[in-house]
Amino acid sequence: MKQKREQEISLDNDPVAVEDSSTSNSVLRASQGTEGNEVNIEGTEDELTNKFSKTLGTTDMDCGKFLIKQAHDAHPESDKHNAADIVNQVTPLLHAIEPQDELEGMLAVQMVGIHNLTMEMMRRVSLPDQTVDGVNDNINRINKLSRTFVAQLEALDRHRNKGQQKMTVEHVHVNKGGQ
């Protein structure tokens, strides 16, 4: 029987504990640790390696912890909620991107961060009693962040296709009298 171990992930220079009880699920899941901003992720070394690989594109635990910390810190409400809740919000999004290597893992963390900031700006634009300038500023931010997200999607696609473009050639038959 494989022994489970705990991984500490620091989200603000304080130890954070993240725990994962769903060993059959390949998404990292966190539980709040006992001290400050600590989260716990539990699993055997093989389970953790598999989850880090599928969620962050890396089998290196230090790299994975660093990427999770960055994803947590980029969340607009990371200072308002416990660390495990934030980690559990961002890891399924990272997992859905299916990063294949560390570079894609870094890009996935950026994409989730840009998405979260875009949504925060959308929330702010709808707040009551704003000035016209305040609304316009937030709309401009939303536009820039949305374009950045699209550029990141294109960069991910180029990286995955190694810069190659696909061309599909289909046979077209034109019959007499056809247009």
N, C-alpha and C. Protein backbone atom coordinates (compact mmCIF):
# COMPACT_ATOMS: atom_id res chain seq x y z
N MET A 1 0.84 -1.18 0.00
CA MET A 1 0.00 0.00 0.00
C MET A 1 0.88 1.24 0.00
N LYS A 2 0.56 2.17 -0.85
CA LYS A 2 1.35 3.39 -0.96
C LYS A 2 1.00 4.33 0.17
N GLN A 3 2.02 4.98 0.69
CA GLN A 3 1.83 5.91 1.80
C GLN A 3 1.48 7.29 1.26
N LYS A 4 0.47 7.92 1.89
CA LYS A 4 0.08 9.27 1.48
C LYS A 4 1.02 10.26 2.12
N ARG A 5 1.28 11.35 1.41
CA ARG A 5 2.10 12.41 1.98
C ARG A 5 1.44 13.74 1.72
N GLU A 6 1.83 14.72 2.49
CA GLU A 6 1.23 16.04 2.41
C GLU A 6 2.22 17.00 1.76
N GLN A 7 1.70 17.87 0.90
CA GLN A 7 2.53 18.89 0.26
C GLN A 7 2.13 20.25 0.82
N GLU A 8 3.08 21.02 1.28
CA GLU A 8 2.80 22.37 1.74
C GLU A 8 3.03 23.33 0.58
N ILE A 9 2.13 24.27 0.45
CA ILE A 9 2.24 25.28 -0.59
C ILE A 9 2.07 26.63 0.08
N SER A 10 3.07 27.47 0.00
CA SER A 10 2.99 28.78 0.63
C SER A 10 2.37 29.77 -0.34
N LEU A 11 1.31 30.44 0.10
CA LEU A 11 0.62 31.37 -0.78
C LEU A 11 0.92 32.82 -0.42
N ASP A 12 1.55 33.08 0.69
CA ASP A 12 1.92 34.45 1.04
C ASP A 12 3.09 34.47 2.01
N ASN A 13 4.09 33.70 1.73
CA ASN A 13 5.27 33.57 2.58
C ASN A 13 4.97 32.89 3.89
N ASP A 14 3.72 32.51 4.14
CA ASP A 14 3.35 31.71 5.30
C ASP A 14 3.06 30.32 4.77
N PRO A 15 3.30 29.27 5.56
CA PRO A 15 2.97 27.92 5.09
C PRO A 15 1.48 27.80 4.83
N VAL A 16 1.13 27.11 3.77
CA VAL A 16 -0.27 26.87 3.42
C VAL A 16 -0.43 25.38 3.21
N ALA A 17 -1.49 24.80 3.70
CA ALA A 17 -1.70 23.37 3.55
C ALA A 17 -2.86 23.11 2.61
N VAL A 18 -2.70 22.15 1.69
CA VAL A 18 -3.76 21.79 0.75
C VAL A 18 -3.95 20.28 0.81
N GLU A 19 -5.17 19.83 0.96
CA GLU A 19 -5.44 18.41 1.13
C GLU A 19 -6.38 17.92 0.04
N ASP A 20 -6.10 16.74 -0.49
CA ASP A 20 -6.95 16.18 -1.53
C ASP A 20 -7.40 14.80 -1.11
N SER A 21 -8.68 14.67 -0.84
CA SER A 21 -9.21 13.37 -0.42
C SER A 21 -9.75 12.57 -1.59
N SER A 22 -9.94 13.19 -2.74
CA SER A 22 -10.51 12.50 -3.90
C SER A 22 -9.39 11.95 -4.76
N THR A 23 -8.84 10.80 -4.38
CA THR A 23 -7.69 10.25 -5.08
C THR A 23 -8.03 9.76 -6.47
N SER A 24 -9.31 9.49 -6.75
CA SER A 24 -9.67 9.03 -8.09
C SER A 24 -9.75 10.19 -9.07
N ASN A 25 -9.95 11.40 -8.56
CA ASN A 25 -10.06 12.58 -9.40
C ASN A 25 -8.67 13.13 -9.67
N SER A 26 -8.39 13.53 -10.88
CA SER A 26 -7.05 14.00 -11.21
C SER A 26 -6.87 15.50 -11.00
N VAL A 27 -7.92 16.20 -10.52
CA VAL A 27 -7.81 17.63 -10.23
C VAL A 27 -7.31 17.80 -8.80
N LEU A 28 -6.34 18.68 -8.63
CA LEU A 28 -5.87 18.98 -7.28
C LEU A 28 -6.99 19.61 -6.47
N ARG A 29 -7.20 19.13 -5.26
CA ARG A 29 -8.19 19.69 -4.35
C ARG A 29 -7.50 20.01 -3.04
N ALA A 30 -7.83 21.15 -2.46
CA ALA A 30 -7.17 21.63 -1.27
C ALA A 30 -8.11 21.69 -0.09
N SER A 31 -7.55 21.53 1.10
CA SER A 31 -8.29 21.80 2.33
C SER A 31 -7.47 22.80 3.13
N GLN A 32 -8.16 23.59 3.92
CA GLN A 32 -7.49 24.62 4.69
C GLN A 32 -6.60 23.99 5.75
N GLY A 33 -5.39 24.51 5.86
CA GLY A 33 -4.46 24.06 6.88
C GLY A 33 -4.78 24.69 8.22
N THR A 34 -3.99 24.35 9.20
CA THR A 34 -4.25 24.83 10.56
C THR A 34 -3.64 26.19 10.84
N GLU A 35 -2.66 26.58 10.07
CA GLU A 35 -1.97 27.85 10.35
C GLU A 35 -2.13 28.81 9.18
N GLY A 36 -2.63 30.01 9.48
CA GLY A 36 -2.67 31.10 8.53
C GLY A 36 -3.15 30.72 7.16
N ASN A 37 -2.32 31.01 6.18
CA ASN A 37 -2.65 30.80 4.78
C ASN A 37 -2.07 29.47 4.31
N GLU A 38 -2.38 28.38 5.05
CA GLU A 38 -1.84 27.07 4.76
C GLU A 38 -2.89 26.18 4.13
N VAL A 39 -2.51 25.44 3.10
CA VAL A 39 -3.40 24.48 2.47
C VAL A 39 -2.71 23.12 2.43
N ASN A 40 -3.51 22.06 2.38
CA ASN A 40 -2.97 20.70 2.32
C ASN A 40 -3.50 19.99 1.09
N ILE A 41 -2.62 19.26 0.43
CA ILE A 41 -3.00 18.36 -0.66
C ILE A 41 -2.45 17.01 -0.27
N GLU A 42 -3.31 16.02 -0.14
CA GLU A 42 -2.86 14.70 0.26
C GLU A 42 -2.91 13.75 -0.92
N GLY A 43 -2.04 12.77 -0.88
CA GLY A 43 -2.01 11.73 -1.88
C GLY A 43 -0.67 11.04 -1.84
N THR A 44 -0.60 9.88 -2.45
CA THR A 44 0.69 9.22 -2.57
C THR A 44 1.56 10.06 -3.51
N GLU A 45 2.82 9.78 -3.53
CA GLU A 45 3.70 10.54 -4.43
C GLU A 45 3.27 10.37 -5.87
N ASP A 46 2.87 9.16 -6.25
CA ASP A 46 2.40 8.92 -7.62
C ASP A 46 1.12 9.69 -7.92
N GLU A 47 0.18 9.71 -6.95
CA GLU A 47 -1.07 10.44 -7.15
C GLU A 47 -0.82 11.93 -7.29
N LEU A 48 0.04 12.46 -6.43
CA LEU A 48 0.34 13.89 -6.50
C LEU A 48 1.06 14.24 -7.80
N THR A 49 2.00 13.40 -8.21
CA THR A 49 2.70 13.64 -9.47
C THR A 49 1.72 13.65 -10.63
N ASN A 50 0.77 12.71 -10.64
CA ASN A 50 -0.24 12.64 -11.70
C ASN A 50 -1.11 13.89 -11.69
N LYS A 51 -1.55 14.34 -10.51
CA LYS A 51 -2.41 15.51 -10.41
C LYS A 51 -1.68 16.78 -10.81
N PHE A 52 -0.43 16.92 -10.38
CA PHE A 52 0.34 18.10 -10.77
C PHE A 52 0.56 18.10 -12.28
N SER A 53 0.80 16.93 -12.85
CA SER A 53 1.03 16.83 -14.29
C SER A 53 -0.22 17.22 -15.07
N LYS A 54 -1.38 16.70 -14.67
CA LYS A 54 -2.61 16.98 -15.41
C LYS A 54 -3.15 18.38 -15.18
N THR A 55 -2.84 18.96 -14.03
CA THR A 55 -3.36 20.28 -13.70
C THR A 55 -2.41 21.39 -14.11
N LEU A 56 -1.09 21.13 -14.01
CA LEU A 56 -0.10 22.20 -14.22
C LEU A 56 0.94 21.88 -15.28
N GLY A 57 0.90 20.70 -15.84
CA GLY A 57 1.86 20.35 -16.89
C GLY A 57 3.25 20.04 -16.38
N THR A 58 3.39 19.75 -15.09
CA THR A 58 4.71 19.46 -14.54
C THR A 58 4.64 18.30 -13.57
N THR A 59 5.72 17.54 -13.48
CA THR A 59 5.85 16.50 -12.46
C THR A 59 6.79 16.96 -11.36
N ASP A 60 7.33 18.15 -11.49
CA ASP A 60 8.22 18.73 -10.48
C ASP A 60 7.37 19.40 -9.40
N MET A 61 7.44 18.89 -8.19
CA MET A 61 6.61 19.40 -7.10
C MET A 61 6.90 20.87 -6.79
N ASP A 62 8.16 21.26 -6.80
CA ASP A 62 8.49 22.66 -6.50
C ASP A 62 7.90 23.60 -7.55
N CYS A 63 8.00 23.21 -8.81
CA CYS A 63 7.42 24.02 -9.89
C CYS A 63 5.90 24.08 -9.73
N GLY A 64 5.27 22.94 -9.43
CA GLY A 64 3.83 22.89 -9.26
C GLY A 64 3.37 23.77 -8.11
N LYS A 65 4.07 23.72 -6.98
CA LYS A 65 3.72 24.56 -5.83
C LYS A 65 3.82 26.03 -6.19
N PHE A 66 4.88 26.37 -6.91
CA PHE A 66 5.09 27.76 -7.32
C PHE A 66 3.96 28.24 -8.22
N LEU A 67 3.55 27.41 -9.18
CA LEU A 67 2.46 27.78 -10.08
C LEU A 67 1.13 27.91 -9.34
N ILE A 68 0.89 27.03 -8.36
CA ILE A 68 -0.34 27.14 -7.58
C ILE A 68 -0.32 28.42 -6.76
N LYS A 69 0.83 28.76 -6.19
CA LYS A 69 0.95 30.01 -5.42
C LYS A 69 0.67 31.21 -6.32
N GLN A 70 1.23 31.20 -7.53
CA GLN A 70 0.98 32.30 -8.46
C GLN A 70 -0.49 32.39 -8.85
N ALA A 71 -1.12 31.25 -9.10
CA ALA A 71 -2.55 31.25 -9.46
C ALA A 71 -3.38 31.78 -8.30
N HIS A 72 -3.03 31.41 -7.10
CA HIS A 72 -3.72 31.92 -5.91
C HIS A 72 -3.54 33.43 -5.79
N ASP A 73 -2.29 33.88 -5.87
CA ASP A 73 -1.99 35.30 -5.68
C ASP A 73 -2.60 36.19 -6.75
N ALA A 74 -2.81 35.65 -7.95
CA ALA A 74 -3.39 36.44 -9.04
C ALA A 74 -4.90 36.56 -8.92
N HIS A 75 -5.51 35.81 -8.04
CA HIS A 75 -6.96 35.88 -7.86
C HIS A 75 -7.31 37.19 -7.18
N PRO A 76 -8.27 37.96 -7.72
CA PRO A 76 -8.57 39.28 -7.17
C PRO A 76 -9.07 39.28 -5.73
N GLU A 77 -9.52 38.14 -5.24
CA GLU A 77 -10.03 38.09 -3.88
C GLU A 77 -9.21 37.16 -2.99
N SER A 78 -7.93 36.95 -3.34
CA SER A 78 -7.10 36.02 -2.57
C SER A 78 -6.89 36.47 -1.13
N ASP A 79 -7.03 37.77 -0.87
CA ASP A 79 -6.86 38.27 0.49
C ASP A 79 -8.16 38.25 1.30
N LYS A 80 -9.28 37.91 0.66
CA LYS A 80 -10.58 37.94 1.32
C LYS A 80 -11.10 36.55 1.68
N HIS A 81 -10.58 35.52 1.05
CA HIS A 81 -11.08 34.16 1.26
C HIS A 81 -9.95 33.26 1.72
N ASN A 82 -10.30 32.12 2.32
CA ASN A 82 -9.22 31.24 2.74
C ASN A 82 -8.54 30.63 1.51
N ALA A 83 -7.30 30.30 1.69
CA ALA A 83 -6.46 29.86 0.58
C ALA A 83 -7.00 28.62 -0.12
N ALA A 84 -7.53 27.67 0.64
CA ALA A 84 -8.04 26.44 0.03
C ALA A 84 -9.19 26.73 -0.92
N ASP A 85 -10.07 27.65 -0.54
CA ASP A 85 -11.19 27.99 -1.43
C ASP A 85 -10.69 28.55 -2.75
N ILE A 86 -9.71 29.43 -2.70
CA ILE A 86 -9.14 30.01 -3.93
C ILE A 86 -8.47 28.93 -4.76
N VAL A 87 -7.65 28.09 -4.13
CA VAL A 87 -6.97 27.01 -4.86
C VAL A 87 -7.99 26.09 -5.51
N ASN A 88 -9.06 25.78 -4.79
CA ASN A 88 -10.10 24.90 -5.34
C ASN A 88 -10.91 25.56 -6.46
N GLN A 89 -10.90 26.89 -6.51
CA GLN A 89 -11.55 27.58 -7.62
C GLN A 89 -10.67 27.58 -8.87
N VAL A 90 -9.38 27.75 -8.71
CA VAL A 90 -8.51 27.90 -9.88
C VAL A 90 -8.01 26.58 -10.44
N THR A 91 -7.83 25.55 -9.61
CA THR A 91 -7.25 24.31 -10.15
C THR A 91 -8.13 23.60 -11.19
N PRO A 92 -9.46 23.58 -11.06
CA PRO A 92 -10.24 22.96 -12.15
C PRO A 92 -10.10 23.72 -13.47
N LEU A 93 -9.95 25.04 -13.39
CA LEU A 93 -9.75 25.82 -14.61
C LEU A 93 -8.40 25.49 -15.24
N LEU A 94 -7.38 25.39 -14.42
CA LEU A 94 -6.05 25.01 -14.93
C LEU A 94 -6.11 23.62 -15.54
N HIS A 95 -6.78 22.71 -14.86
CA HIS A 95 -6.91 21.33 -15.33
C HIS A 95 -7.61 21.27 -16.69
N ALA A 96 -8.62 22.13 -16.88
CA ALA A 96 -9.39 22.13 -18.13
C ALA A 96 -8.54 22.57 -19.32
N ILE A 97 -7.53 23.40 -19.07
CA ILE A 97 -6.64 23.85 -20.15
C ILE A 97 -5.73 22.71 -20.59
N GLU A 98 -5.52 21.73 -19.75
CA GLU A 98 -4.70 20.55 -20.03
C GLU A 98 -3.27 20.91 -20.44
N PRO A 99 -2.55 21.66 -19.59
CA PRO A 99 -1.16 21.99 -19.96
C PRO A 99 -0.32 20.72 -20.11
N GLN A 100 0.51 20.70 -21.15
CA GLN A 100 1.31 19.52 -21.46
C GLN A 100 2.75 19.62 -20.96
N ASP A 101 3.18 20.82 -20.60
CA ASP A 101 4.53 21.02 -20.07
C ASP A 101 4.52 22.27 -19.19
N GLU A 102 5.68 22.58 -18.61
CA GLU A 102 5.76 23.70 -17.69
C GLU A 102 5.44 25.04 -18.36
N LEU A 103 5.84 25.20 -19.61
CA LEU A 103 5.54 26.44 -20.33
C LEU A 103 4.03 26.61 -20.48
N GLU A 104 3.34 25.55 -20.84
CA GLU A 104 1.88 25.61 -20.93
C GLU A 104 1.26 25.81 -19.55
N GLY A 105 1.89 25.25 -18.51
CA GLY A 105 1.40 25.47 -17.15
C GLY A 105 1.49 26.93 -16.76
N MET A 106 2.60 27.58 -17.11
CA MET A 106 2.75 29.01 -16.82
C MET A 106 1.71 29.82 -17.58
N LEU A 107 1.51 29.48 -18.84
CA LEU A 107 0.52 30.19 -19.66
C LEU A 107 -0.89 29.94 -19.12
N ALA A 108 -1.17 28.73 -18.67
CA ALA A 108 -2.49 28.43 -18.10
C ALA A 108 -2.74 29.27 -16.85
N VAL A 109 -1.74 29.43 -16.00
CA VAL A 109 -1.89 30.26 -14.80
C VAL A 109 -2.16 31.71 -15.20
N GLN A 110 -1.46 32.20 -16.22
CA GLN A 110 -1.71 33.56 -16.70
C GLN A 110 -3.13 33.69 -17.26
N MET A 111 -3.56 32.69 -18.01
CA MET A 111 -4.90 32.74 -18.61
C MET A 111 -5.99 32.77 -17.54
N VAL A 112 -5.84 31.95 -16.51
CA VAL A 112 -6.82 31.95 -15.42
C VAL A 112 -6.79 33.29 -14.69
N GLY A 113 -5.58 33.83 -14.48
CA GLY A 113 -5.47 35.14 -13.83
C GLY A 113 -6.13 36.24 -14.64
N ILE A 114 -5.88 36.26 -15.95
CA ILE A 114 -6.50 37.27 -16.81
C ILE A 114 -8.02 37.10 -16.82
N HIS A 115 -8.49 35.87 -16.88
CA HIS A 115 -9.93 35.63 -16.83
C HIS A 115 -10.52 36.18 -15.53
N ASN A 116 -9.87 35.87 -14.40
CA ASN A 116 -10.39 36.33 -13.11
C ASN A 116 -10.41 37.86 -13.03
N LEU A 117 -9.37 38.50 -13.54
CA LEU A 117 -9.34 39.97 -13.53
C LEU A 117 -10.41 40.56 -14.45
N THR A 118 -10.62 39.93 -15.59
CA THR A 118 -11.68 40.38 -16.50
C THR A 118 -13.03 40.33 -15.81
N MET A 119 -13.28 39.24 -15.12
CA MET A 119 -14.56 39.09 -14.43
C MET A 119 -14.67 40.09 -13.28
N GLU A 120 -13.57 40.39 -12.60
CA GLU A 120 -13.60 41.40 -11.54
C GLU A 120 -13.93 42.78 -12.11
N MET A 121 -13.35 43.10 -13.27
CA MET A 121 -13.66 44.39 -13.90
C MET A 121 -15.12 44.42 -14.35
N MET A 122 -15.64 43.29 -14.81
CA MET A 122 -17.06 43.24 -15.18
C MET A 122 -17.95 43.46 -13.95
N ARG A 123 -17.53 42.91 -12.83
CA ARG A 123 -18.30 43.14 -11.60
C ARG A 123 -18.26 44.62 -11.23
N ARG A 124 -17.10 45.23 -11.34
CA ARG A 124 -16.95 46.63 -10.96
C ARG A 124 -17.73 47.57 -11.88
N VAL A 125 -17.79 47.23 -13.16
CA VAL A 125 -18.48 48.13 -14.09
C VAL A 125 -19.97 48.20 -13.79
N SER A 126 -20.49 47.17 -13.14
CA SER A 126 -21.92 47.16 -12.85
C SER A 126 -22.26 47.70 -11.45
N LEU A 127 -21.27 48.19 -10.72
CA LEU A 127 -21.54 48.76 -9.40
C LEU A 127 -22.35 50.04 -9.53
N PRO A 128 -23.27 50.29 -8.63
CA PRO A 128 -24.08 51.50 -8.70
C PRO A 128 -23.27 52.75 -8.33
N ASP A 129 -23.79 53.89 -8.69
CA ASP A 129 -23.22 55.20 -8.32
C ASP A 129 -21.81 55.43 -8.84
N GLN A 130 -21.49 54.90 -10.02
CA GLN A 130 -20.18 55.16 -10.61
C GLN A 130 -20.27 56.37 -11.53
N THR A 131 -19.15 57.02 -11.67
CA THR A 131 -19.09 58.12 -12.64
C THR A 131 -19.01 57.53 -14.04
N VAL A 132 -19.29 58.33 -15.01
CA VAL A 132 -19.17 57.88 -16.40
C VAL A 132 -17.72 57.51 -16.68
N ASP A 133 -16.78 58.31 -16.16
CA ASP A 133 -15.36 58.00 -16.36
C ASP A 133 -14.98 56.66 -15.72
N GLY A 134 -15.54 56.38 -14.54
CA GLY A 134 -15.27 55.11 -13.87
C GLY A 134 -15.76 53.93 -14.68
N VAL A 135 -16.96 54.05 -15.22
CA VAL A 135 -17.52 52.99 -16.07
C VAL A 135 -16.67 52.82 -17.32
N ASN A 136 -16.31 53.93 -17.98
CA ASN A 136 -15.50 53.85 -19.20
C ASN A 136 -14.13 53.24 -18.92
N ASP A 137 -13.51 53.60 -17.80
CA ASP A 137 -12.20 53.02 -17.44
C ASP A 137 -12.30 51.50 -17.29
N ASN A 138 -13.35 51.04 -16.61
CA ASN A 138 -13.50 49.60 -16.42
C ASN A 138 -13.83 48.89 -17.72
N ILE A 139 -14.61 49.52 -18.59
CA ILE A 139 -14.90 48.92 -19.90
C ILE A 139 -13.61 48.81 -20.72
N ASN A 140 -12.78 49.82 -20.67
CA ASN A 140 -11.48 49.76 -21.37
C ASN A 140 -10.61 48.64 -20.81
N ARG A 141 -10.60 48.48 -19.50
CA ARG A 141 -9.83 47.39 -18.89
C ARG A 141 -10.36 46.03 -19.33
N ILE A 142 -11.68 45.90 -19.35
CA ILE A 142 -12.30 44.65 -19.80
C ILE A 142 -11.88 44.34 -21.23
N ASN A 143 -11.91 45.33 -22.09
CA ASN A 143 -11.53 45.15 -23.48
C ASN A 143 -10.08 44.69 -23.60
N LYS A 144 -9.18 45.35 -22.89
CA LYS A 144 -7.75 44.99 -22.95
C LYS A 144 -7.51 43.59 -22.39
N LEU A 145 -8.13 43.28 -21.27
CA LEU A 145 -7.96 41.96 -20.68
C LEU A 145 -8.54 40.87 -21.57
N SER A 146 -9.68 41.12 -22.18
CA SER A 146 -10.28 40.14 -23.09
C SER A 146 -9.40 39.89 -24.30
N ARG A 147 -8.82 40.95 -24.85
CA ARG A 147 -7.91 40.78 -25.99
C ARG A 147 -6.64 40.03 -25.57
N THR A 148 -6.18 40.28 -24.35
CA THR A 148 -5.01 39.55 -23.85
C THR A 148 -5.32 38.07 -23.73
N PHE A 149 -6.51 37.74 -23.24
CA PHE A 149 -6.91 36.34 -23.12
C PHE A 149 -6.92 35.64 -24.48
N VAL A 150 -7.47 36.31 -25.47
CA VAL A 150 -7.50 35.73 -26.83
C VAL A 150 -6.07 35.54 -27.34
N ALA A 151 -5.20 36.50 -27.10
CA ALA A 151 -3.80 36.38 -27.52
C ALA A 151 -3.14 35.19 -26.82
N GLN A 152 -3.48 34.97 -25.54
CA GLN A 152 -2.92 33.83 -24.82
C GLN A 152 -3.43 32.51 -25.40
N LEU A 153 -4.71 32.45 -25.76
CA LEU A 153 -5.24 31.25 -26.40
C LEU A 153 -4.51 30.97 -27.71
N GLU A 154 -4.28 32.01 -28.49
CA GLU A 154 -3.55 31.85 -29.75
C GLU A 154 -2.13 31.40 -29.51
N ALA A 155 -1.48 31.94 -28.49
CA ALA A 155 -0.11 31.53 -28.16
C ALA A 155 -0.08 30.06 -27.73
N LEU A 156 -1.05 29.64 -26.96
CA LEU A 156 -1.13 28.24 -26.55
C LEU A 156 -1.32 27.34 -27.76
N ASP A 157 -2.19 27.74 -28.66
CA ASP A 157 -2.42 26.95 -29.88
C ASP A 157 -1.16 26.87 -30.73
N ARG A 158 -0.47 27.99 -30.90
CA ARG A 158 0.78 27.98 -31.67
C ARG A 158 1.83 27.08 -31.02
N HIS A 159 1.93 27.15 -29.70
CA HIS A 159 2.90 26.30 -29.00
C HIS A 159 2.56 24.82 -29.19
N ARG A 160 1.29 24.49 -29.08
CA ARG A 160 0.89 23.09 -29.22
C ARG A 160 1.07 22.58 -30.64
N ASN A 161 0.87 23.45 -31.61
CA ASN A 161 1.03 23.05 -33.01
C ASN A 161 2.43 23.31 -33.52
N LYS A 162 3.31 23.75 -32.63
CA LYS A 162 4.70 24.06 -32.98
C LYS A 162 4.79 25.04 -34.13
N GLY A 163 3.85 25.97 -34.17
CA GLY A 163 3.86 27.02 -35.18
C GLY A 163 3.37 26.61 -36.54
N GLN A 164 2.98 25.34 -36.68
CA GLN A 164 2.51 24.86 -37.99
C GLN A 164 1.05 25.21 -38.17
N GLN A 165 0.73 25.59 -39.37
CA GLN A 165 -0.66 25.89 -39.69
C GLN A 165 -1.25 24.70 -40.44
N LYS A 166 -2.53 24.49 -40.25
CA LYS A 166 -3.22 23.41 -40.95
C LYS A 166 -3.93 23.97 -42.17
N MET A 167 -3.91 23.19 -43.23
CA MET A 167 -4.64 23.57 -44.43
C MET A 167 -5.44 22.35 -44.86
N THR A 168 -6.72 22.54 -45.07
CA THR A 168 -7.58 21.46 -45.53
C THR A 168 -7.92 21.70 -46.99
N VAL A 169 -7.64 20.69 -47.81
CA VAL A 169 -7.95 20.77 -49.23
C VAL A 169 -9.10 19.83 -49.51
N GLU A 170 -10.15 20.37 -50.08
CA GLU A 170 -11.30 19.55 -50.40
C GLU A 170 -11.49 19.57 -51.92
N HIS A 171 -12.01 18.49 -52.43
CA HIS A 171 -12.29 18.41 -53.86
C HIS A 171 -13.64 19.08 -54.13
N VAL A 172 -13.65 19.98 -55.08
CA VAL A 172 -14.87 20.66 -55.45
C VAL A 172 -15.15 20.34 -56.91
N HIS A 173 -16.33 19.87 -57.19
CA HIS A 173 -16.70 19.57 -58.57
C HIS A 173 -17.71 20.61 -59.04
N VAL A 174 -17.46 21.16 -60.20
CA VAL A 174 -18.38 22.13 -60.79
C VAL A 174 -18.95 21.48 -62.05
N ASN A 175 -20.24 21.31 -62.05
CA ASN A 175 -20.91 20.72 -63.19
C ASN A 175 -21.41 21.82 -64.12
N LYS A 176 -21.64 21.44 -65.35
CA LYS A 176 -22.11 22.36 -66.35
C LYS A 176 -23.44 22.98 -65.89
N GLY A 177 -23.48 24.29 -65.92
CA GLY A 177 -24.68 25.00 -65.48
C GLY A 177 -24.66 25.32 -64.00
N GLY A 178 -23.66 24.78 -63.27
CA GLY A 178 -23.56 25.07 -61.84
C GLY A 178 -22.97 26.44 -61.59
N GLN A 179 -23.24 26.96 -60.43
CA GLN A 179 -22.72 28.30 -60.10
C GLN A 179 -21.71 28.21 -59.01
